[in-house]
Protein backbone atom coordinates (compact mmCIF):
# COMPACT_ATOMS: atom_id res chain seq x y z
CA UNK A 1 31.34 82.63 -12.95
CA UNK A 2 28.63 82.12 -10.33
CA UNK A 3 26.25 85.03 -9.70
CA UNK A 4 24.94 85.77 -6.22
CA UNK A 5 21.24 86.13 -5.40
CA UNK A 6 20.59 87.91 -2.11
CA UNK A 7 17.56 86.64 -0.21
CA UNK A 8 14.76 89.23 -0.04
CA UNK A 9 12.05 89.51 2.61
CA UNK A 10 8.95 87.54 1.59
CA UNK A 11 6.04 89.95 1.27
CA UNK A 12 2.76 89.56 -0.58
CA UNK A 13 3.71 92.47 -2.88
CA UNK A 14 7.20 91.17 -3.70
CA UNK A 15 5.92 87.63 -4.33
CA UNK A 16 2.75 88.63 -6.27
CA UNK A 17 4.26 88.05 -9.75
CA UNK A 18 4.96 84.42 -8.77
CA UNK A 19 2.09 83.42 -6.48
CA UNK A 20 0.44 83.83 -3.09
CA UNK A 21 1.87 84.14 0.42
CA UNK A 22 -0.23 82.19 2.91
CA UNK A 23 -0.09 83.47 6.47
CA UNK A 24 -2.21 84.52 9.41
CA UNK A 25 -1.19 88.17 9.49
CA UNK A 26 -3.84 90.52 10.81
CA UNK A 27 -7.24 89.62 12.17
CA UNK A 28 -9.04 86.51 10.92
CA UNK A 29 -11.62 86.99 8.19
CA UNK A 30 -14.19 85.27 10.37
CA UNK A 31 -14.54 83.56 13.75
CA UNK A 32 -16.02 80.06 13.66
CA UNK A 33 -16.58 77.18 16.09
CA UNK A 34 -18.33 79.32 18.70
CA UNK A 35 -15.62 81.99 18.37
CA UNK A 36 -12.81 79.58 19.28
CA UNK A 37 -11.24 79.43 15.81
CA UNK A 38 -10.17 82.20 13.44
CA UNK A 39 -10.57 81.49 9.73
CA UNK A 40 -8.11 83.15 7.36
CA UNK A 41 -10.20 82.51 4.27
CA UNK A 42 -9.20 81.63 0.70
CA UNK A 43 -5.50 82.54 0.91
CA UNK A 44 -4.34 80.85 -2.34
CA UNK A 45 -5.57 80.57 -5.89
CA UNK A 46 -5.56 76.85 -6.65
CA UNK A 47 -5.52 76.45 -10.43
CA UNK A 48 -5.75 73.04 -12.12
CA UNK A 49 -6.24 72.40 -15.81
CA UNK A 50 -7.46 68.98 -16.94
CA UNK A 51 -7.10 67.44 -13.51
CA UNK A 52 -8.01 67.94 -9.89
CA UNK A 53 -6.29 69.42 -6.84
CA UNK A 54 -4.60 66.84 -4.64
CA UNK A 55 -2.76 66.92 -1.32
CA UNK A 56 0.55 65.06 -1.04
CA UNK A 57 3.20 64.94 1.67
CA UNK A 58 6.83 65.66 0.74
CA UNK A 59 9.90 64.92 2.88
CA UNK A 60 12.64 67.28 1.67
CA UNK A 61 16.32 67.13 2.55
CA UNK A 62 17.55 69.99 4.73
CA UNK A 63 19.80 72.50 2.96
CA UNK A 64 22.08 75.29 4.11
CA UNK A 65 23.21 78.68 2.89
CA UNK A 66 24.85 79.56 0.66
CA UNK A 67 22.67 77.41 -1.62
CA UNK A 68 23.66 76.59 -5.20
CA UNK A 69 20.70 76.98 -7.54
CA UNK A 70 21.30 75.02 -10.71
CA UNK A 71 17.75 74.19 -11.76
CA UNK A 72 14.23 75.59 -11.74
CA UNK A 73 11.00 73.91 -12.74
CA UNK A 74 7.43 74.87 -13.55
CA UNK A 75 4.06 73.21 -13.82
CA UNK A 76 2.13 74.48 -16.87
CA UNK A 77 -1.14 72.74 -15.91
CA UNK A 78 -1.46 73.63 -12.24
CA UNK A 79 -0.48 75.77 -9.31
CA UNK A 80 1.62 74.29 -6.50
CA UNK A 81 1.40 75.19 -2.80
CA UNK A 82 4.15 74.36 -0.29
CA UNK A 83 2.82 74.26 3.28
CA UNK A 84 5.37 73.40 5.97
CA UNK A 85 4.15 71.02 8.64
CA UNK A 86 6.36 72.75 11.22
CA UNK A 87 7.02 76.35 12.17
CA UNK A 88 10.41 76.32 10.42
CA UNK A 89 11.20 78.83 7.67
CA UNK A 90 12.22 77.65 4.21
CA UNK A 91 13.89 79.11 1.14
CA UNK A 92 11.65 80.05 -1.79
CA UNK A 93 13.13 80.68 -5.24
CA UNK A 94 10.99 81.95 -8.12
CA UNK A 95 11.98 83.14 -11.58
CA UNK A 96 10.35 85.29 -14.21
CA UNK A 97 9.76 84.19 -17.80
CA UNK A 98 13.34 85.23 -18.64
CA UNK A 99 14.44 82.70 -15.97
CA UNK A 100 16.01 85.40 -13.76
CA UNK A 101 15.64 84.04 -10.22
CA UNK A 102 14.75 85.82 -6.99
CA UNK A 103 15.07 84.30 -3.53
CA UNK A 104 12.89 84.74 -0.44
CA UNK A 105 12.70 83.13 2.97
CA UNK A 106 9.43 82.48 4.77
CA UNK A 107 8.68 83.49 8.33
CA UNK A 108 7.77 80.71 10.76
CA UNK A 109 4.31 79.41 9.90
CA UNK A 110 4.17 80.92 6.40
CA UNK A 111 3.42 78.97 3.24
CA UNK A 112 3.43 79.84 -0.45
CA UNK A 113 1.48 78.96 -3.56
CA UNK A 114 3.15 79.22 -6.98
CA UNK A 115 0.82 80.29 -9.78
CA UNK A 116 0.43 77.86 -12.68
CA UNK A 117 3.40 78.12 -15.06
CA UNK A 118 5.72 79.92 -12.62
CA UNK A 119 9.39 78.91 -12.72
CA UNK A 120 10.55 77.99 -9.21
CA UNK A 121 13.19 76.18 -7.21
CA UNK A 122 12.61 72.90 -5.46
CA UNK A 123 11.57 72.53 -1.81
CA UNK A 124 14.46 73.91 0.23
CA UNK A 125 14.00 73.63 4.00
CA UNK A 126 16.74 75.41 5.94
CA UNK A 127 15.97 73.82 9.32
CA UNK A 128 13.46 71.50 10.94
CA UNK A 129 12.10 68.23 9.63
CA UNK A 130 11.53 69.27 6.01
CA UNK A 131 8.00 67.85 5.98
CA UNK A 132 5.51 69.68 3.75
CA UNK A 133 1.93 69.30 2.60
CA UNK A 134 1.87 70.06 -1.12
CA UNK A 135 -1.32 70.95 -2.94
CA UNK A 136 -1.00 70.59 -6.69
CA UNK A 137 -2.58 69.18 -9.83
CA UNK A 138 -3.24 65.46 -10.06
CA UNK A 139 -4.04 64.23 -13.55
CA UNK A 140 -2.87 62.71 -16.80
CA UNK A 141 -0.48 64.45 -19.15
CA UNK A 142 2.83 66.21 -18.64
CA UNK A 143 2.93 68.91 -15.97
CA UNK A 144 6.65 69.39 -15.35
CA UNK A 145 9.22 71.42 -17.26
CA UNK A 146 12.78 71.87 -16.00
CA UNK A 147 15.48 74.39 -16.85
CA UNK A 148 19.13 73.71 -15.98
CA UNK A 149 21.26 76.85 -15.58
CA UNK A 150 24.59 76.49 -17.41
CA UNK A 151 26.21 78.35 -14.51
CA UNK A 152 24.57 77.94 -11.10
CA UNK A 153 23.49 80.88 -8.99
CA UNK A 154 24.61 81.16 -5.37
CA UNK A 155 21.79 82.11 -2.99
CA UNK A 156 23.14 84.03 0.02
CA UNK A 157 21.65 85.51 3.17
CA UNK A 158 20.74 89.18 3.33
CA UNK A 159 22.43 89.50 6.74
């Protein structure tokens, strides 16, 4: 029998066990470029073991709700940041070490960074082009583990 996961608001506190929320909330940390640009400094903890951070572009297929979650993955050697290249929100699924998933949705313009070793769902854009910049570990050796749920979860809206 499929279990439902209700989407929670994405807040820094709620997401802290899994990673970082990247946004421009509040005042910039510093003004640069003659005061014409606000810098929101050092918003994610990039963590790479035995490799280097790299930037890739991902084109993800649009999804809809309810969303069936049948698999999560993790990267034991590096963090992974998903940065949308549009102002469209996307679904974020993260799971604890017991593989119990939680679901969040970003606000327009928000991004996330999963800590190294965090179980998470795949890129799941809900609207827009599904184009993301992804910052993660580039290097030799395995850096992907997958877990298939015997019974999928159904991710539903909180509205």
